[in-house]
Amino acid sequence: MSDTANTTEIEAAVFRRLRNHLINREPDVQNIDLMILAGFCRNCLADWYQEAADEQGVALNRDQAREVIYGEPFADWKARHQREATPEQLAAFQARKKAE
């Protein structure tokens, strides 16, 4: 891919689309499943968002970053969507960590 004047705008649009997809189309996808399949989850995205804000000199705490990613306060999302991880999910997660 060559550098374009629009790279930042394109990357931002892709990020917004991913975030909106997770918020609006797949809110019940479990973070542990994302970790097993992709090696990152919504919390990782929130951490990266907070780090990028820090790099830009923007004060943003972890809860604020999570609200951006989850589209609502994390506690609210967690209460409505997060389920307890199954033994199979935990085993798959541990296997992925060992493979890294």
N, C-alpha and C. Protein backbone atom coordinates (compact mmCIF):
# COMPACT_ATOMS: atom_id res chain seq x y z
N MET A 1 0.85 -1.18 0.00
CA MET A 1 0.00 0.00 0.00
C MET A 1 0.89 1.24 0.00
N SER A 2 0.58 2.14 -0.84
CA SER A 2 1.36 3.37 -0.87
C SER A 2 0.76 4.38 0.10
N ASP A 3 1.61 5.30 0.54
CA ASP A 3 1.13 6.37 1.42
C ASP A 3 0.20 7.28 0.64
N THR A 4 -0.88 7.64 1.28
CA THR A 4 -1.80 8.59 0.66
C THR A 4 -2.07 9.69 1.65
N ALA A 5 -2.57 10.78 1.14
CA ALA A 5 -2.90 11.90 2.01
C ALA A 5 -4.07 11.55 2.93
N ASN A 6 -4.80 10.52 2.60
CA ASN A 6 -6.00 10.17 3.35
C ASN A 6 -5.81 8.98 4.29
N THR A 7 -4.60 8.53 4.50
CA THR A 7 -4.37 7.33 5.30
C THR A 7 -5.00 7.44 6.69
N THR A 8 -4.79 8.53 7.38
CA THR A 8 -5.35 8.68 8.73
C THR A 8 -6.86 8.64 8.70
N GLU A 9 -7.47 9.29 7.73
CA GLU A 9 -8.93 9.30 7.63
C GLU A 9 -9.47 7.91 7.32
N ILE A 10 -8.77 7.18 6.45
CA ILE A 10 -9.19 5.83 6.11
C ILE A 10 -9.08 4.92 7.33
N GLU A 11 -7.95 4.99 8.03
CA GLU A 11 -7.76 4.17 9.22
C GLU A 11 -8.80 4.51 10.29
N ALA A 12 -9.10 5.78 10.46
CA ALA A 12 -10.11 6.19 11.44
C ALA A 12 -11.49 5.65 11.05
N ALA A 13 -11.81 5.68 9.77
CA ALA A 13 -13.10 5.17 9.31
C ALA A 13 -13.21 3.67 9.56
N VAL A 14 -12.11 2.94 9.32
CA VAL A 14 -12.10 1.50 9.56
C VAL A 14 -12.28 1.21 11.04
N PHE A 15 -11.58 1.96 11.89
CA PHE A 15 -11.72 1.79 13.33
C PHE A 15 -13.17 2.03 13.76
N ARG A 16 -13.76 3.13 13.29
CA ARG A 16 -15.16 3.43 13.66
C ARG A 16 -16.09 2.33 13.21
N ARG A 17 -15.84 1.78 12.02
CA ARG A 17 -16.69 0.70 11.52
C ARG A 17 -16.55 -0.55 12.39
N LEU A 18 -15.33 -0.90 12.78
CA LEU A 18 -15.11 -2.04 13.68
C LEU A 18 -15.82 -1.81 15.01
N ARG A 19 -15.60 -0.63 15.60
CA ARG A 19 -16.23 -0.32 16.88
C ARG A 19 -17.75 -0.38 16.77
N ASN A 20 -18.31 0.23 15.75
CA ASN A 20 -19.76 0.22 15.59
C ASN A 20 -20.30 -1.18 15.32
N HIS A 21 -19.54 -1.99 14.61
CA HIS A 21 -19.94 -3.38 14.37
C HIS A 21 -20.04 -4.12 15.70
N LEU A 22 -19.04 -3.95 16.56
CA LEU A 22 -19.06 -4.63 17.86
C LEU A 22 -20.17 -4.09 18.76
N ILE A 23 -20.45 -2.80 18.67
CA ILE A 23 -21.48 -2.20 19.51
C ILE A 23 -22.88 -2.56 19.02
N ASN A 24 -23.12 -2.41 17.73
CA ASN A 24 -24.48 -2.52 17.19
C ASN A 24 -24.85 -3.87 16.63
N ARG A 25 -23.90 -4.57 16.04
CA ARG A 25 -24.24 -5.83 15.38
C ARG A 25 -23.86 -7.05 16.19
N GLU A 26 -22.82 -6.95 17.01
CA GLU A 26 -22.31 -8.12 17.74
C GLU A 26 -22.04 -7.83 19.21
N PRO A 27 -22.97 -7.20 19.91
CA PRO A 27 -22.68 -6.87 21.32
C PRO A 27 -22.55 -8.10 22.21
N ASP A 28 -23.10 -9.23 21.77
CA ASP A 28 -23.05 -10.43 22.60
C ASP A 28 -21.80 -11.28 22.35
N VAL A 29 -20.99 -10.91 21.37
CA VAL A 29 -19.74 -11.63 21.17
C VAL A 29 -18.89 -11.42 22.42
N GLN A 30 -18.46 -12.51 22.99
CA GLN A 30 -17.73 -12.46 24.25
C GLN A 30 -16.27 -12.06 24.01
N ASN A 31 -15.75 -11.26 24.93
CA ASN A 31 -14.36 -10.84 24.83
C ASN A 31 -13.41 -12.03 24.82
N ILE A 32 -13.71 -13.06 25.58
CA ILE A 32 -12.80 -14.22 25.61
C ILE A 32 -12.76 -14.88 24.23
N ASP A 33 -13.89 -14.89 23.52
CA ASP A 33 -13.89 -15.47 22.17
C ASP A 33 -13.05 -14.63 21.22
N LEU A 34 -13.12 -13.31 21.36
CA LEU A 34 -12.27 -12.44 20.56
C LEU A 34 -10.80 -12.71 20.87
N MET A 35 -10.48 -12.88 22.15
CA MET A 35 -9.09 -13.16 22.55
C MET A 35 -8.62 -14.49 21.96
N ILE A 36 -9.47 -15.49 22.00
CA ILE A 36 -9.09 -16.80 21.47
C ILE A 36 -8.85 -16.72 19.97
N LEU A 37 -9.74 -16.07 19.27
CA LEU A 37 -9.66 -16.03 17.80
C LEU A 37 -8.68 -14.99 17.26
N ALA A 38 -8.65 -13.82 17.89
CA ALA A 38 -7.90 -12.70 17.31
C ALA A 38 -6.74 -12.22 18.16
N GLY A 39 -6.70 -12.62 19.41
CA GLY A 39 -5.62 -12.18 20.28
C GLY A 39 -5.82 -10.79 20.86
N PHE A 40 -7.01 -10.24 20.69
CA PHE A 40 -7.35 -8.96 21.30
C PHE A 40 -8.86 -8.93 21.53
N CYS A 41 -9.28 -8.01 22.39
CA CYS A 41 -10.71 -7.88 22.68
C CYS A 41 -11.06 -6.40 22.82
N ARG A 42 -12.27 -6.13 23.23
CA ARG A 42 -12.71 -4.75 23.42
C ARG A 42 -11.85 -4.02 24.44
N ASN A 43 -11.46 -4.71 25.50
CA ASN A 43 -10.61 -4.07 26.51
C ASN A 43 -9.26 -3.69 25.93
N CYS A 44 -8.71 -4.53 25.06
CA CYS A 44 -7.46 -4.19 24.38
C CYS A 44 -7.66 -2.93 23.54
N LEU A 45 -8.75 -2.89 22.78
CA LEU A 45 -9.03 -1.70 21.97
C LEU A 45 -9.12 -0.45 22.85
N ALA A 46 -9.78 -0.58 24.01
CA ALA A 46 -9.89 0.56 24.92
C ALA A 46 -8.52 0.98 25.44
N ASP A 47 -7.67 0.00 25.76
CA ASP A 47 -6.31 0.32 26.23
C ASP A 47 -5.53 1.03 25.13
N TRP A 48 -5.64 0.54 23.89
CA TRP A 48 -4.94 1.17 22.78
C TRP A 48 -5.48 2.58 22.53
N TYR A 49 -6.78 2.73 22.68
CA TYR A 49 -7.40 4.05 22.51
C TYR A 49 -6.85 5.02 23.55
N GLN A 50 -6.78 4.57 24.79
CA GLN A 50 -6.27 5.41 25.87
C GLN A 50 -4.79 5.75 25.62
N GLU A 51 -4.00 4.78 25.19
CA GLU A 51 -2.59 5.04 24.89
C GLU A 51 -2.44 6.07 23.77
N ALA A 52 -3.26 5.95 22.72
CA ALA A 52 -3.21 6.91 21.62
C ALA A 52 -3.61 8.30 22.08
N ALA A 53 -4.61 8.36 22.95
CA ALA A 53 -5.01 9.66 23.50
C ALA A 53 -3.86 10.26 24.30
N ASP A 54 -3.21 9.45 25.13
CA ASP A 54 -2.07 9.93 25.91
C ASP A 54 -0.97 10.48 24.99
N GLU A 55 -0.70 9.76 23.90
CA GLU A 55 0.32 10.20 22.95
C GLU A 55 -0.03 11.55 22.33
N GLN A 56 -1.32 11.84 22.23
CA GLN A 56 -1.77 13.11 21.66
C GLN A 56 -1.96 14.18 22.72
N GLY A 57 -1.65 13.84 23.97
CA GLY A 57 -1.79 14.80 25.06
C GLY A 57 -3.22 14.98 25.53
N VAL A 58 -4.07 14.01 25.24
CA VAL A 58 -5.48 14.06 25.63
C VAL A 58 -5.66 13.23 26.90
N ALA A 59 -6.16 13.86 27.95
CA ALA A 59 -6.39 13.14 29.21
C ALA A 59 -7.64 12.27 29.06
N LEU A 60 -7.46 10.98 29.27
CA LEU A 60 -8.56 10.03 29.15
C LEU A 60 -8.25 8.88 30.09
N ASN A 61 -9.18 8.59 30.99
CA ASN A 61 -8.92 7.47 31.90
C ASN A 61 -9.47 6.17 31.30
N ARG A 62 -9.19 5.08 31.96
CA ARG A 62 -9.57 3.76 31.45
C ARG A 62 -11.08 3.63 31.27
N ASP A 63 -11.85 4.11 32.23
CA ASP A 63 -13.31 4.01 32.12
C ASP A 63 -13.83 4.81 30.93
N GLN A 64 -13.26 5.97 30.69
CA GLN A 64 -13.68 6.79 29.55
C GLN A 64 -13.34 6.10 28.23
N ALA A 65 -12.15 5.52 28.17
CA ALA A 65 -11.75 4.81 26.95
C ALA A 65 -12.66 3.60 26.72
N ARG A 66 -12.98 2.89 27.77
CA ARG A 66 -13.89 1.74 27.61
C ARG A 66 -15.27 2.18 27.15
N GLU A 67 -15.74 3.31 27.63
CA GLU A 67 -17.06 3.79 27.20
C GLU A 67 -17.06 4.11 25.71
N VAL A 68 -15.95 4.63 25.20
CA VAL A 68 -15.84 4.88 23.76
C VAL A 68 -15.97 3.57 22.99
N ILE A 69 -15.28 2.55 23.45
CA ILE A 69 -15.25 1.26 22.74
C ILE A 69 -16.55 0.48 22.91
N TYR A 70 -17.09 0.47 24.12
CA TYR A 70 -18.30 -0.30 24.38
C TYR A 70 -19.58 0.45 24.01
N GLY A 71 -19.48 1.76 23.81
CA GLY A 71 -20.66 2.55 23.46
C GLY A 71 -21.54 2.85 24.64
N GLU A 72 -21.07 2.53 25.83
CA GLU A 72 -21.80 2.76 27.08
C GLU A 72 -20.83 2.46 28.21
N PRO A 73 -21.19 2.82 29.43
CA PRO A 73 -20.30 2.45 30.55
C PRO A 73 -20.05 0.93 30.56
N PHE A 74 -18.81 0.57 30.82
CA PHE A 74 -18.42 -0.85 30.80
C PHE A 74 -19.30 -1.69 31.72
N ALA A 75 -19.59 -1.19 32.91
CA ALA A 75 -20.41 -1.96 33.86
C ALA A 75 -21.78 -2.28 33.28
N ASP A 76 -22.36 -1.33 32.54
CA ASP A 76 -23.67 -1.56 31.93
C ASP A 76 -23.58 -2.64 30.85
N TRP A 77 -22.56 -2.53 29.98
CA TRP A 77 -22.38 -3.53 28.93
C TRP A 77 -22.16 -4.91 29.56
N LYS A 78 -21.30 -4.96 30.56
CA LYS A 78 -20.97 -6.22 31.22
C LYS A 78 -22.21 -6.87 31.82
N ALA A 79 -23.05 -6.07 32.46
CA ALA A 79 -24.26 -6.62 33.09
C ALA A 79 -25.22 -7.20 32.05
N ARG A 80 -25.28 -6.59 30.88
CA ARG A 80 -26.23 -7.05 29.86
C ARG A 80 -25.68 -8.14 28.95
N HIS A 81 -24.36 -8.14 28.70
CA HIS A 81 -23.85 -9.00 27.65
C HIS A 81 -22.82 -10.04 28.08
N GLN A 82 -22.04 -9.77 29.11
CA GLN A 82 -20.96 -10.69 29.45
C GLN A 82 -21.47 -11.89 30.22
N ARG A 83 -21.04 -13.05 29.75
CA ARG A 83 -21.38 -14.30 30.43
C ARG A 83 -20.11 -14.87 31.06
N GLU A 84 -20.29 -15.74 32.00
CA GLU A 84 -19.16 -16.43 32.62
C GLU A 84 -18.49 -17.30 31.56
N ALA A 85 -17.17 -17.28 31.51
CA ALA A 85 -16.45 -18.11 30.55
C ALA A 85 -16.65 -19.58 30.87
N THR A 86 -16.83 -20.36 29.82
CA THR A 86 -16.99 -21.80 29.99
C THR A 86 -15.62 -22.44 30.19
N PRO A 87 -15.61 -23.66 30.73
CA PRO A 87 -14.32 -24.37 30.84
C PRO A 87 -13.63 -24.53 29.47
N GLU A 88 -14.43 -24.74 28.42
CA GLU A 88 -13.86 -24.89 27.08
C GLU A 88 -13.22 -23.57 26.60
N GLN A 89 -13.88 -22.46 26.87
CA GLN A 89 -13.31 -21.16 26.49
C GLN A 89 -12.01 -20.91 27.25
N LEU A 90 -12.02 -21.18 28.54
CA LEU A 90 -10.81 -20.97 29.34
C LEU A 90 -9.67 -21.84 28.86
N ALA A 91 -9.96 -23.09 28.50
CA ALA A 91 -8.92 -24.00 28.00
C ALA A 91 -8.38 -23.50 26.66
N ALA A 92 -9.26 -23.05 25.78
CA ALA A 92 -8.83 -22.52 24.47
C ALA A 92 -7.99 -21.27 24.65
N PHE A 93 -8.36 -20.43 25.60
CA PHE A 93 -7.62 -19.20 25.88
C PHE A 93 -6.22 -19.55 26.41
N GLN A 94 -6.13 -20.49 27.32
CA GLN A 94 -4.84 -20.91 27.86
C GLN A 94 -3.96 -21.52 26.76
N ALA A 95 -4.57 -22.32 25.89
CA ALA A 95 -3.83 -22.94 24.78
C ALA A 95 -3.27 -21.85 23.85
N ARG A 96 -4.06 -20.83 23.59
CA ARG A 96 -3.57 -19.74 22.72
C ARG A 96 -2.40 -19.02 23.38
N LYS A 97 -2.53 -18.75 24.67
CA LYS A 97 -1.45 -18.05 25.38
C LYS A 97 -0.15 -18.86 25.34
N LYS A 98 -0.26 -20.18 25.47
CA LYS A 98 0.94 -21.04 25.44
C LYS A 98 1.56 -21.04 24.05
N ALA A 99 0.74 -20.92 23.01
CA ALA A 99 1.23 -20.94 21.65
C ALA A 99 1.92 -19.64 21.25
N GLU A 100 1.71 -18.58 21.99
CA GLU A 100 2.29 -17.28 21.63
C GLU A 100 3.77 -17.22 21.94
